[in-house]
Amino acid sequence: MIIHRQRLGITLLLYLFLASLAVLAVIPFYITIINSSHSDVSIVRSLNLLPGNHLMRNYDYIRRSMNIWRGFANSLTVSVPSVVLSLYFGSLTAYGFSKYRFRFSRPLFFLILMTLMVPMQLGLVGYYLMHSRLGLLDTYIPLILPWFAHPPTVFFMKMYIDSAIPDELIEAGRIDGSGEFRTFNTLILPLLTPAIATLAIFNFVSSWNNYIMPLTILFSRSRFTLPLLIAMLRGVYSDNYGAIYLGVAMSIVPIIAVYAAVSRKIIGGLVVGSVKG
């Protein structure tokens, strides 16, 4: 009886701790949404916990200054192909490293891991000069191309394939006369759905929130992605924090929608991909 009560007490404390963490995680989003409906004066003077009545005024400020919906479309134009390309080619590369034995496979994989330690900013100047000579500046191509070879995707997918895809399945496909690419596309890829869903949200957030690369590559305001337009709000409105909060809140909506769509797959992918067996 005493042991049962102790376990119950520990369980309640654990749930209380997890609930506190959840509240701490939600508070910044809640404050952002609430402040997006308040005036600049109200935001500066006090901490607002209830919605205000300046939501439409803040939206009108944004709408008159910039085409934020065009920014949404531009960000989707970059993010959706980036995610699709990173997931497919990252999975294909990881499959090769996991299931094929070839010369220098381990050094090549360690080279990919080493690139994870190199900050993107170190290659920014060279990347800019390369695309300048190719005439690709002020286009979305330089923002999408790096996702063809995305080291974090390759690393995560290799770990998942090592633990979740048996070699016997591949051998069975070969016995049935399936080619290597057909085996990957029809047998392996569907089994990678949990890991793909997990990486889909991570890669989407990374591409959607990318600021430094579009800032370097894009010049035309009509091509600006959403983070660039939101960054311009500070300069356009000076101290209009209500408009800034509204712009940030609007930019979060697609991320929440994508996460809600694949959240169950994310949890399953993390659990299975972390277990070696």
Protein backbone atom coordinates (compact mmCIF):
# COMPACT_ATOMS: atom_id res chain seq x y z
CA MET A 1 0.00 0.00 0.00
CA ILE A 2 2.79 2.40 0.92
CA ILE A 3 4.71 1.54 -2.23
CA HIS A 4 1.57 2.15 -4.30
CA ARG A 5 1.12 5.60 -2.73
CA GLN A 6 4.76 6.45 -3.34
CA ARG A 7 4.45 5.50 -6.99
CA LEU A 8 1.25 7.50 -7.28
CA GLY A 9 2.96 10.52 -5.71
CA ILE A 10 5.92 10.24 -8.07
CA THR A 11 3.56 9.94 -11.02
CA LEU A 12 1.62 13.03 -9.96
CA LEU A 13 4.84 15.01 -9.53
CA LEU A 14 6.02 13.88 -12.96
CA TYR A 15 2.76 14.93 -14.58
CA LEU A 16 2.88 18.25 -12.74
CA PHE A 17 6.44 18.82 -13.97
CA LEU A 18 5.51 17.95 -17.56
CA ALA A 19 2.43 20.17 -17.39
CA SER A 20 4.61 23.06 -16.17
CA LEU A 21 6.98 22.55 -19.09
CA ALA A 22 4.02 22.54 -21.49
CA VAL A 23 2.74 25.81 -20.05
CA LEU A 24 6.19 27.40 -20.33
CA ALA A 25 6.37 26.29 -23.97
CA VAL A 26 2.93 27.71 -24.79
CA ILE A 27 3.33 31.07 -23.03
CA PRO A 28 5.48 32.75 -25.74
CA PHE A 29 2.97 31.79 -28.44
CA TYR A 30 0.07 32.94 -26.31
CA ILE A 31 1.68 36.32 -25.57
CA THR A 32 2.49 36.77 -29.26
CA ILE A 33 -1.11 36.12 -30.31
CA ILE A 34 -2.53 38.33 -27.55
CA ASN A 35 -0.18 41.24 -28.29
CA SER A 36 -1.04 41.06 -31.98
CA SER A 37 -4.50 42.34 -31.06
CA HIS A 38 -3.27 45.28 -28.93
CA SER A 39 -2.05 48.75 -29.74
CA ASP A 40 1.56 49.79 -29.45
CA VAL A 41 0.83 51.87 -26.33
CA SER A 42 -0.94 48.98 -24.60
CA ILE A 43 1.94 46.60 -25.31
CA VAL A 44 4.55 49.00 -23.96
CA ARG A 45 2.64 49.96 -20.80
CA SER A 46 1.55 46.57 -19.48
CA LEU A 47 1.61 42.80 -19.80
CA ASN A 48 -1.52 41.83 -21.70
CA LEU A 49 -3.19 38.51 -20.94
CA LEU A 50 -6.52 39.11 -22.69
CA PRO A 51 -7.23 39.93 -26.36
CA GLY A 52 -7.47 43.56 -27.41
CA ASN A 53 -9.43 45.38 -30.12
CA HIS A 54 -6.63 46.51 -32.46
CA LEU A 55 -6.25 43.31 -34.47
CA MET A 56 -7.78 44.65 -37.67
CA ARG A 57 -5.91 47.95 -37.32
CA ASN A 58 -2.61 46.10 -37.06
CA TYR A 59 -3.55 43.97 -40.05
CA ASP A 60 -4.44 47.09 -42.06
CA TYR A 61 -1.00 48.53 -41.27
CA ILE A 62 0.66 45.40 -42.64
CA ARG A 63 -1.61 45.21 -45.68
CA ARG A 64 -1.00 48.83 -46.67
CA SER A 65 2.75 48.49 -46.33
CA MET A 66 3.41 45.13 -47.98
CA ASN A 67 1.78 42.16 -49.63
CA ILE A 68 2.20 39.67 -46.80
CA TRP A 69 0.16 37.02 -48.61
CA ARG A 70 2.65 37.19 -51.46
CA GLY A 71 5.28 36.54 -48.82
CA PHE A 72 3.36 33.44 -47.74
CA ALA A 73 3.25 32.23 -51.35
CA ASN A 74 6.97 32.93 -51.82
CA SER A 75 7.89 31.03 -48.67
CA LEU A 76 5.76 28.07 -49.74
CA THR A 77 7.38 28.17 -53.17
CA VAL A 78 10.74 27.70 -51.49
CA SER A 79 9.83 25.48 -48.54
CA VAL A 80 7.67 22.82 -50.20
CA PRO A 81 10.19 21.82 -52.92
CA SER A 82 13.01 22.05 -50.40
CA VAL A 83 11.31 19.63 -48.03
CA VAL A 84 10.33 17.17 -50.78
CA LEU A 85 13.82 17.16 -52.31
CA SER A 86 15.59 16.83 -48.97
CA LEU A 87 13.41 13.93 -47.85
CA TYR A 88 13.65 11.91 -51.07
CA PHE A 89 17.30 12.41 -51.91
CA GLY A 90 18.33 12.34 -48.25
CA SER A 91 16.53 9.02 -47.83
CA LEU A 92 18.10 7.67 -51.02
CA THR A 93 21.59 8.69 -49.91
CA ALA A 94 21.07 7.26 -46.43
CA TYR A 95 19.79 4.02 -47.94
CA GLY A 96 22.98 3.72 -49.98
CA PHE A 97 25.21 4.29 -46.96
CA SER A 98 23.19 1.91 -44.82
CA LYS A 99 22.68 -1.07 -47.10
CA TYR A 100 25.53 -0.97 -49.62
CA ARG A 101 29.16 -1.67 -48.91
CA PHE A 102 31.54 0.18 -51.19
CA ARG A 103 35.04 1.58 -50.96
CA PHE A 104 35.42 4.69 -48.80
CA SER A 105 31.80 4.48 -47.64
CA ARG A 106 32.73 5.13 -43.99
CA PRO A 107 35.09 8.06 -44.74
CA LEU A 108 32.44 9.60 -46.99
CA PHE A 109 29.79 9.26 -44.30
CA PHE A 110 32.13 10.81 -41.71
CA LEU A 111 32.75 13.64 -44.18
CA ILE A 112 29.00 14.25 -44.27
CA LEU A 113 28.93 14.32 -40.48
CA MET A 114 31.79 16.82 -40.44
CA THR A 115 29.77 19.22 -42.56
CA LEU A 116 27.27 19.39 -39.69
CA MET A 117 29.94 21.16 -37.65
CA VAL A 118 30.60 23.86 -40.26
CA PRO A 119 28.41 26.99 -39.88
CA MET A 120 26.50 27.89 -43.02
CA GLN A 121 27.71 31.49 -42.77
CA LEU A 122 31.30 30.42 -43.55
CA GLY A 123 30.36 29.50 -47.11
CA LEU A 124 27.92 32.33 -47.69
CA VAL A 125 30.29 34.58 -49.65
CA GLY A 126 31.46 31.77 -51.91
CA TYR A 127 27.89 30.61 -52.44
CA TYR A 128 26.87 34.14 -53.41
CA LEU A 129 29.75 34.53 -55.86
CA MET A 130 29.05 31.14 -57.47
CA HIS A 131 25.42 31.96 -58.18
CA SER A 132 26.32 35.46 -59.24
CA ARG A 133 28.49 34.01 -62.01
CA LEU A 134 25.73 31.57 -62.95
CA GLY A 135 23.20 34.40 -63.14
CA LEU A 136 20.92 32.83 -60.54
CA LEU A 137 20.78 35.69 -58.04
CA ASP A 138 17.33 37.03 -57.17
CA THR A 139 15.80 33.62 -57.93
CA TYR A 140 14.61 30.81 -55.70
CA ILE A 141 16.97 28.22 -57.21
CA PRO A 142 19.90 29.00 -54.83
CA LEU A 143 17.50 28.63 -51.88
CA ILE A 144 16.30 25.19 -53.01
CA LEU A 145 19.49 23.61 -54.37
CA PRO A 146 21.21 23.01 -50.98
CA TRP A 147 18.34 20.77 -49.93
CA PHE A 148 19.35 18.18 -52.53
CA ALA A 149 22.18 17.26 -50.15
CA HIS A 150 21.04 17.91 -46.58
CA PRO A 151 23.46 16.28 -44.10
CA PRO A 152 21.10 16.19 -41.07
CA THR A 153 18.51 14.35 -43.15
CA VAL A 154 21.09 11.83 -44.37
CA PHE A 155 22.35 11.21 -40.84
CA PHE A 156 18.92 10.75 -39.26
CA MET A 157 17.62 8.56 -42.09
CA LYS A 158 20.70 6.32 -42.00
CA MET A 159 20.22 5.73 -38.28
CA TYR A 160 16.56 4.93 -38.87
CA ILE A 161 17.24 2.57 -41.79
CA ASP A 162 19.93 0.76 -39.79
CA SER A 163 17.46 0.01 -37.02
CA ALA A 164 14.17 -0.46 -38.87
CA ILE A 165 14.87 -1.94 -42.34
CA PRO A 166 16.05 -5.59 -42.42
CA ASP A 167 18.42 -6.75 -45.15
CA GLU A 168 16.14 -9.72 -45.82
CA LEU A 169 13.47 -7.40 -47.19
CA ILE A 170 15.87 -6.04 -49.80
CA GLU A 171 17.01 -9.53 -50.72
CA ALA A 172 13.39 -10.60 -51.15
CA GLY A 173 12.83 -7.73 -53.57
CA ARG A 174 15.88 -8.71 -55.59
CA ILE A 175 14.74 -12.34 -55.75
CA ASP A 176 11.41 -11.14 -57.14
CA GLY A 177 13.30 -9.35 -59.91
CA SER A 178 12.92 -5.83 -58.57
CA GLY A 179 15.62 -3.35 -59.59
CA GLU A 180 17.52 -1.30 -57.03
CA PHE A 181 15.58 1.93 -57.57
CA ARG A 182 12.27 0.09 -57.74
CA THR A 183 13.11 -1.69 -54.49
CA PHE A 184 13.79 1.62 -52.82
CA ASN A 185 10.72 3.40 -54.20
CA THR A 186 8.18 0.60 -53.68
CA LEU A 187 9.50 -1.35 -50.69
CA ILE A 188 11.79 0.85 -48.61
CA LEU A 189 10.34 4.33 -49.00
CA PRO A 190 6.86 3.44 -47.64
CA LEU A 191 8.48 1.91 -44.56
CA LEU A 192 10.31 5.18 -43.91
CA THR A 193 7.06 7.10 -43.42
CA PRO A 194 7.52 7.73 -39.65
CA ALA A 195 11.05 9.08 -40.13
CA ILE A 196 9.98 11.09 -43.19
CA ALA A 197 7.14 12.66 -41.22
CA THR A 198 9.54 13.51 -38.42
CA LEU A 199 12.02 15.19 -40.72
CA ALA A 200 9.28 16.88 -42.73
CA ILE A 201 8.41 19.20 -39.86
CA PHE A 202 12.04 19.85 -38.93
CA ASN A 203 13.06 20.63 -42.52
CA PHE A 204 9.94 22.69 -43.13
CA VAL A 205 10.61 24.83 -40.06
CA SER A 206 14.24 25.26 -41.08
CA SER A 207 13.36 26.31 -44.62
CA TRP A 208 10.37 28.43 -43.60
CA ASN A 209 12.36 30.38 -41.00
CA ASN A 210 15.47 30.76 -43.16
CA TYR A 211 16.48 34.41 -43.06
CA ILE A 212 20.17 34.90 -43.84
CA MET A 213 20.17 33.05 -47.18
CA PRO A 214 17.13 34.83 -48.72
CA LEU A 215 18.51 38.12 -47.40
CA THR A 216 21.73 37.47 -49.33
CA ILE A 217 20.25 36.04 -52.54
CA LEU A 218 17.00 37.97 -53.09
CA PHE A 219 16.81 41.64 -54.08
CA SER A 220 13.33 42.16 -55.51
CA ARG A 221 10.74 42.92 -52.87
CA SER A 222 8.14 40.94 -54.80
CA ARG A 223 10.28 37.82 -54.29
CA PHE A 224 10.90 38.30 -50.56
CA THR A 225 10.00 35.39 -48.33
CA LEU A 226 7.93 35.88 -45.20
CA PRO A 227 10.84 36.25 -42.71
CA LEU A 228 12.27 39.09 -44.80
CA LEU A 229 8.93 40.90 -44.92
CA ILE A 230 8.43 40.49 -41.17
CA ALA A 231 11.92 41.88 -40.56
CA MET A 232 10.93 44.94 -42.58
CA LEU A 233 8.05 45.68 -40.20
CA ARG A 234 10.40 47.18 -37.65
CA GLY A 235 11.73 49.67 -40.17
CA VAL A 236 8.35 50.44 -41.68
CA TYR A 237 6.43 50.97 -38.46
CA SER A 238 9.23 52.19 -36.23
CA ASP A 239 7.86 51.15 -32.84
CA ASN A 240 4.55 49.57 -33.92
CA TYR A 241 4.92 46.39 -31.91
CA GLY A 242 1.33 45.33 -32.53
CA ALA A 243 2.00 44.95 -36.26
CA ILE A 244 5.24 43.12 -35.58
CA TYR A 245 3.53 40.66 -33.21
CA LEU A 246 0.77 40.09 -35.76
CA GLY A 247 3.29 39.38 -38.51
CA VAL A 248 5.10 36.88 -36.31
CA ALA A 249 1.82 35.23 -35.26
CA MET A 250 0.76 34.86 -38.89
CA SER A 251 4.09 33.30 -39.82
CA ILE A 252 3.71 30.66 -37.09
CA VAL A 253 0.37 29.37 -38.40
CA PRO A 254 1.77 27.18 -41.24
CA ILE A 255 4.35 25.66 -38.89
CA ILE A 256 1.66 24.73 -36.37
CA ALA A 257 -0.51 23.31 -39.15
CA VAL A 258 2.29 21.10 -40.48
CA TYR A 259 3.21 19.93 -36.99
CA ALA A 260 -0.41 19.11 -36.14
CA ALA A 261 -0.72 17.09 -39.36
CA VAL A 262 2.28 14.85 -38.67
CA SER A 263 2.68 15.00 -34.88
CA ARG A 264 1.82 11.34 -34.29
CA LYS A 265 4.25 10.23 -36.97
CA ILE A 266 6.94 12.45 -35.43
CA ILE A 267 6.69 10.68 -32.07
CA GLY A 268 6.71 7.25 -33.68
CA GLY A 269 9.69 8.13 -35.85
CA LEU A 270 11.75 9.44 -32.96
CA VAL A 271 11.07 6.36 -30.84
CA VAL A 272 11.78 3.80 -33.55
CA GLY A 273 14.76 5.67 -34.96
CA SER A 274 16.41 5.87 -31.56
CA VAL A 275 16.26 2.13 -30.85
CA LYS A 276 18.84 -0.20 -32.30
CA GLY A 277 17.47 -3.67 -32.79
